[in-house]
C-alpha atoms as a PDB file:
ATOM      1  CA  MET A   1     167.455  47.775 130.468  1.00  0.00           C
ATOM      2  CA  THR A   2     170.461  47.383 127.822  1.00  0.00           C
ATOM      3  CA  LYS A   3     171.826  44.460 129.555  1.00  0.00           C
ATOM      4  CA  LEU A   4     168.498  42.829 129.890  1.00  0.00           C
ATOM      5  CA  LEU A   5     167.796  43.571 126.188  1.00  0.00           C
ATOM      6  CA  ARG A   6     171.223  42.072 125.202  1.00  0.00           C
ATOM      7  CA  THR A   7     170.685  39.103 127.544  1.00  0.00           C
ATOM      8  CA  PHE A   8     167.503  38.228 125.911  1.00  0.00           C
ATOM      9  CA  LEU A   9     168.408  38.945 122.442  1.00  0.00           C
ATOM     10  CA  MET A  10     171.791  37.023 122.242  1.00  0.00           C
ATOM     11  CA  PRO A  11     169.857  33.552 122.418  1.00  0.00           C
ATOM     12  CA  VAL A  12     167.043  34.550 120.358  1.00  0.00           C
ATOM     13  CA  GLY A  13     170.000  35.583 117.451  1.00  0.00           C
ATOM     14  CA  ILE A  14     171.715  32.338 118.120  1.00  0.00           C
ATOM     15  CA  LEU A  15     168.501  30.503 117.599  1.00  0.00           C
ATOM     16  CA  LEU A  16     167.676  32.287 114.580  1.00  0.00           C
ATOM     17  CA  THR A  17     171.218  31.667 112.912  1.00  0.00           C
ATOM     18  CA  ALA A  18     170.978  27.909 113.601  1.00  0.00           C
ATOM     19  CA  GLY A  19     167.439  27.877 112.353  1.00  0.00           C
ATOM     20  CA  THR A  20     168.625  29.317 109.240  1.00  0.00           C
ATOM     21  CA  LEU A  21     171.462  27.102 108.923  1.00  0.00           C
ATOM     22  CA  LEU A  22     169.571  23.938 109.601  1.00  0.00           C
ATOM     23  CA  LEU A  23     166.879  25.094 107.033  1.00  0.00           C
ATOM     24  CA  SER A  24     169.374  25.711 104.191  1.00  0.00           C
ATOM     25  CA  ALA A  25     170.839  22.437 105.054  1.00  0.00           C
ATOM     26  CA  CYS A  26     167.356  20.763 104.389  1.00  0.00           C
ATOM     27  CA  ALA A  27     166.325  22.621 101.219  1.00  0.00           C
ATOM     28  CA  PRO A  28     166.780  20.564  98.221  1.00  0.00           C
ATOM     29  CA  LYS A  29     169.872  20.905  96.117  1.00  0.00           C
ATOM     30  CA  LYS A  30     169.808  20.422  92.381  1.00  0.00           C
ATOM     31  CA  GLU A  31     171.679  16.897  91.581  1.00  0.00           C
ATOM     32  CA  GLN A  32     174.406  17.262  89.444  1.00  0.00           C
ATOM     33  CA  TRP A  33     174.288  14.520  86.891  1.00  0.00           C
ATOM     34  CA  SER A  34     177.488  13.354  84.624  1.00  0.00           C
ATOM     35  CA  ASN A  35     177.865  13.962  81.308  1.00  0.00           C
ATOM     36  CA  ILE A  36     177.928   9.964  80.686  1.00  0.00           C
ATOM     37  CA  PRO A  37     174.821   8.462  80.582  1.00  0.00           C
ATOM     38  CA  GLU A  38     173.773   6.189  83.520  1.00  0.00           C
ATOM     39  CA  ILE A  39     171.146   3.231  82.895  1.00  0.00           C
ATOM     40  CA  THR A  40     169.503   1.240  85.761  1.00  0.00           C
ATOM     41  CA  PHE A  41     167.630  -2.144  85.256  1.00  0.00           C
ATOM     42  CA  THR A  42     164.096  -2.243  86.263  1.00  0.00           C
ATOM     43  CA  GLY A  43     162.651  -5.431  84.598  1.00  0.00           C
ATOM     44  CA  LEU A  44     162.418  -8.383  82.224  1.00  0.00           C
ATOM     45  CA  SER A  45     158.808  -9.446  81.093  1.00  0.00           C
ATOM     46  CA  ALA A  46     159.629 -13.009  80.955  1.00  0.00           C
ATOM     47  CA  ASP A  47     162.725 -15.405  81.879  1.00  0.00           C
ATOM     48  CA  SER A  48     161.956 -17.584  78.877  1.00  0.00           C
ATOM     49  CA  ILE A  49     161.267 -17.680  75.044  1.00  0.00           C
ATOM     50  CA  LYS A  50     160.901 -19.848  72.130  1.00  0.00           C
ATOM     51  CA  ALA A  51     163.772 -19.574  69.844  1.00  0.00           C
ATOM     52  CA  PRO A  52     163.681 -18.837  67.154  1.00  0.00           C
ATOM     53  CA  SER A  53     160.124 -17.586  67.282  1.00  0.00           C
ATOM     54  CA  THR A  54     158.027 -14.520  66.813  1.00  0.00           C
ATOM     55  CA  ASP A  55     157.942 -14.042  70.349  1.00  0.00           C
ATOM     56  CA  GLN A  56     159.725 -10.928  72.337  1.00  0.00           C
ATOM     57  CA  ILE A  57     160.980 -10.048  75.641  1.00  0.00           C
ATOM     58  CA  LEU A  58     160.458  -6.848  77.149  1.00  0.00           C
ATOM     59  CA  LEU A  59     163.641  -5.247  78.708  1.00  0.00           C
ATOM     60  CA  SER A  60     162.963  -2.164  80.828  1.00  0.00           C
ATOM     61  CA  PHE A  61     165.628   0.266  82.132  1.00  0.00           C
ATOM     62  CA  THR A  62     165.893   3.924  83.550  1.00  0.00           C
ATOM     63  CA  PHE A  63     168.481   6.432  81.912  1.00  0.00           C
ATOM     64  CA  LYS A  64     169.977   9.806  83.023  1.00  0.00           C
ATOM     65  CA  ASP A  65     172.307  11.965  81.172  1.00  0.00           C
ATOM     66  CA  GLY A  66     173.679  15.141  82.494  1.00  0.00           C
ATOM     67  CA  ASP A  67     173.981  16.985  79.070  1.00  0.00           C
ATOM     68  CA  GLY A  68     170.893  15.451  77.604  1.00  0.00           C
ATOM     69  CA  ASN A  69     172.093  14.852  74.450  1.00  0.00           C
ATOM     70  CA  LEU A  70     170.767  11.230  73.878  1.00  0.00           C
ATOM     71  CA  GLY A  71     168.911  10.419  70.521  1.00  0.00           C
ATOM     72  CA  VAL A  72     171.093  10.163  67.430  1.00  0.00           C
ATOM     73  CA  PRO A  73     170.172  10.934  63.883  1.00  0.00           C
ATOM     74  CA  VAL A  74     169.024   7.729  61.865  1.00  0.00           C
ATOM     75  CA  THR A  75     171.785   9.086  59.227  1.00  0.00           C
ATOM     76  CA  SER A  76     174.840   9.046  61.835  1.00  0.00           C
ATOM     77  CA  GLY A  77     175.388   5.208  61.394  1.00  0.00           C
ATOM     78  CA  ASN A  78     175.575   4.613  65.130  1.00  0.00           C
ATOM     79  CA  LYS A  79     172.443   3.520  67.653  1.00  0.00           C
ATOM     80  CA  ASP A  80     171.314   4.541  70.950  1.00  0.00           C
ATOM     81  CA  VAL A  81     171.070   0.888  72.787  1.00  0.00           C
ATOM     82  CA  TYR A  82     173.434  -1.802  72.110  1.00  0.00           C
ATOM     83  CA  LEU A  83     172.943  -5.415  73.144  1.00  0.00           C
ATOM     84  CA  ILE A  84     175.380  -8.183  73.444  1.00  0.00           C
ATOM     85  CA  ASP A  85     174.580 -11.793  73.035  1.00  0.00           C
ATOM     86  CA  SER A  86     176.780 -13.499  76.223  1.00  0.00           C
ATOM     87  CA  ARG A  87     177.029 -16.934  74.411  1.00  0.00           C
ATOM     88  CA  ASP A  88     179.107 -16.009  71.242  1.00  0.00           C
ATOM     89  CA  GLU A  89     178.616 -12.157  70.860  1.00  0.00           C
ATOM     90  CA  GLN A  90     177.195 -13.130  67.356  1.00  0.00           C
ATOM     91  CA  TYR A  91     173.739 -12.105  67.826  1.00  0.00           C
ATOM     92  CA  ASN A  92     174.434  -8.081  68.946  1.00  0.00           C
ATOM     93  CA  LEU A  93     171.370  -6.001  68.489  1.00  0.00           C
ATOM     94  CA  SER A  94     171.258  -2.340  68.364  1.00  0.00           C
ATOM     95  CA  PHE A  95     168.328   0.132  68.738  1.00  0.00           C
ATOM     96  CA  PHE A  96     167.513   3.705  67.943  1.00  0.00           C
ATOM     97  CA  PHE A  97     165.885   5.937  71.073  1.00  0.00           C
ATOM     98  CA  PRO A  98     162.413   7.430  69.521  1.00  0.00           C
ATOM     99  CA  GLN A  99     163.859  10.273  67.528  1.00  0.00           C
ATOM    100  CA  ASP A 100     161.231  12.912  68.779  1.00  0.00           C
ATOM    101  CA  ILE A 101     163.315  12.041  72.238  1.00  0.00           C
ATOM    102  CA  THR A 102     165.446  15.533  71.378  1.00  0.00           C
ATOM    103  CA  GLN A 103     161.930  17.650  71.524  1.00  0.00           C
ATOM    104  CA  TYR A 104     161.482  16.891  75.567  1.00  0.00           C
ATOM    105  CA  VAL A 105     164.838  18.194  76.448  1.00  0.00           C
ATOM    106  CA  THR A 106     166.947  21.734  75.722  1.00  0.00           C
ATOM    107  CA  ALA A 107     170.437  21.424  74.432  1.00  0.00           C
ATOM    108  CA  GLY A 108     172.777  21.182  77.337  1.00  0.00           C
ATOM    109  CA  SER A 109     170.051  19.862  79.923  1.00  0.00           C
ATOM    110  CA  ALA A 110     170.106  16.980  82.034  1.00  0.00           C
ATOM    111  CA  ILE A 111     167.643  14.196  80.728  1.00  0.00           C
ATOM    112  CA  SER A 112     166.258  10.948  82.361  1.00  0.00           C
ATOM    113  CA  GLY A 113     163.466   8.555  81.778  1.00  0.00           C
ATOM    114  CA  SER A 114     162.740   4.800  81.136  1.00  0.00           C
ATOM    115  CA  CYS A 115     162.847   2.837  78.284  1.00  0.00           C
ATOM    116  CA  ASN A 116     161.251  -0.412  76.866  1.00  0.00           C
ATOM    117  CA  LEU A 117     163.176  -2.404  74.777  1.00  0.00           C
ATOM    118  CA  TYR A 118     161.766  -5.598  72.853  1.00  0.00           C
ATOM    119  CA  ILE A 119     164.224  -8.276  72.391  1.00  0.00           C
ATOM    120  CA  PRO A 120     163.007 -10.549  69.216  1.00  0.00           C
ATOM    121  CA  ALA A 121     163.305 -14.230  69.360  1.00  0.00           C
ATOM    122  CA  ALA A 122     163.353 -14.310  65.620  1.00  0.00           C
ATOM    123  CA  GLY A 123     167.330 -14.192  65.069  1.00  0.00           C
ATOM    124  CA  LEU A 124     167.861 -16.445  68.286  1.00  0.00           C
ATOM    125  CA  GLU A 125     169.003 -19.656  67.735  1.00  0.00           C
ATOM    126  CA  LEU A 126     169.971 -22.821  69.967  1.00  0.00           C
ATOM    127  CA  ARG A 127     173.339 -23.782  69.782  1.00  0.00           C
ATOM    128  CA  PRO A 128     174.011 -27.342  68.420  1.00  0.00           C
ATOM    129  CA  ASP A 129     175.482 -28.287  71.168  1.00  0.00           C
ATOM    130  CA  HIS A 130     172.509 -27.193  73.216  1.00  0.00           C
ATOM    131  CA  PRO A 131     169.584 -28.439  70.571  1.00  0.00           C
ATOM    132  CA  LEU A 132     166.721 -28.410  73.182  1.00  0.00           C
ATOM    133  CA  ARG A 133     167.750 -25.637  75.495  1.00  0.00           C
ATOM    134  CA  ASP A 134     170.084 -23.024  75.816  1.00  0.00           C
ATOM    135  CA  THR A 135     170.723 -20.023  77.924  1.00  0.00           C
ATOM    136  CA  VAL A 136     171.462 -16.177  77.315  1.00  0.00           C
ATOM    137  CA  VAL A 137     172.560 -13.170  79.190  1.00  0.00           C
ATOM    138  CA  TYR A 138     172.628  -9.907  77.212  1.00  0.00           C
ATOM    139  CA  GLU A 139     174.850  -7.224  78.404  1.00  0.00           C
ATOM    140  CA  TYR A 140     173.743  -4.001  77.159  1.00  0.00           C
ATOM    141  CA  TYR A 141     174.606  -0.103  77.443  1.00  0.00           C
ATOM    142  CA  ILE A 142     173.286   3.005  75.872  1.00  0.00           C
ATOM    143  CA  MET A 143     175.503   5.601  74.069  1.00  0.00           C
ATOM    144  CA  ASP A 144     174.905   9.400  73.745  1.00  0.00           C
ATOM    145  CA  ALA A 145     175.429  11.517  70.559  1.00  0.00           C
ATOM    146  CA  ALA A 146     179.000  12.471  71.741  1.00  0.00           C
ATOM    147  CA  GLY A 147     179.987   8.838  71.964  1.00  0.00           C
ATOM    148  CA  ASN A 148     180.037   8.287  75.738  1.00  0.00           C
ATOM    149  CA  GLN A 149     178.813   5.013  76.614  1.00  0.00           C
ATOM    150  CA  SER A 150     176.828   4.435  80.118  1.00  0.00           C
ATOM    151  CA  ASN A 151     177.580   1.856  82.391  1.00  0.00           C
ATOM    152  CA  HIS A 152     177.164  -1.489  81.224  1.00  0.00           C
ATOM    153  CA  LEU A 153     174.824  -3.966  82.809  1.00  0.00           C
ATOM    154  CA  LYS A 154     173.388  -7.683  82.210  1.00  0.00           C
ATOM    155  CA  THR A 155     169.925  -9.055  82.066  1.00  0.00           C
ATOM    156  CA  PRO A 156     169.067 -11.890  84.026  1.00  0.00           C
ATOM    157  CA  PRO A 157     169.072 -15.314  82.335  1.00  0.00           C
ATOM    158  CA  ILE A 158     166.841 -15.774  79.579  1.00  0.00           C
ATOM    159  CA  TYR A 159     166.160 -19.377  78.966  1.00  0.00           C
ATOM    160  CA  LEU A 160     165.638 -20.221  75.433  1.00  0.00           C
ATOM    161  CA  GLN A 161     163.540 -23.119  74.153  1.00  0.00           C
ATOM    162  CA  ALA A 162     163.222 -25.186  70.901  1.00  0.00           C
ATOM    163  CA  PRO A 163     159.673 -24.133  69.366  1.00  0.00           C
END
């Protein structure tokens, strides 16, 4: 009877062990994010704008940061989001994340979310050699409170038209 019991239990034990390993391999794992912020482009509200004008284009992107230190104080002299005009790097823009972003994260904890940023056409000008139409591409990135820059992305071309 012992031999019969061993013959039966041996395969059952192997199956249980294999099943446990299989289940643990399928268990969700906590993703480890870098402490350097990362951004991903999600959209641009339009591909053309009158410049200069009171119009705006909405740039949307997602972000994640492993230590959640996004959102710098207004008094720091730094901003959170940076845009660089590809044409001549003269019309650079910088923005703050909403100051209350810090209320949504525990110090040292990961944070992720989406950002919608309005790019104003008020300061955009057509270059003298392009008086009726021009094209701009913005390079953009975010920076956390420790000074870590995210990856740099570029917008699709934005076509500027004379008002």
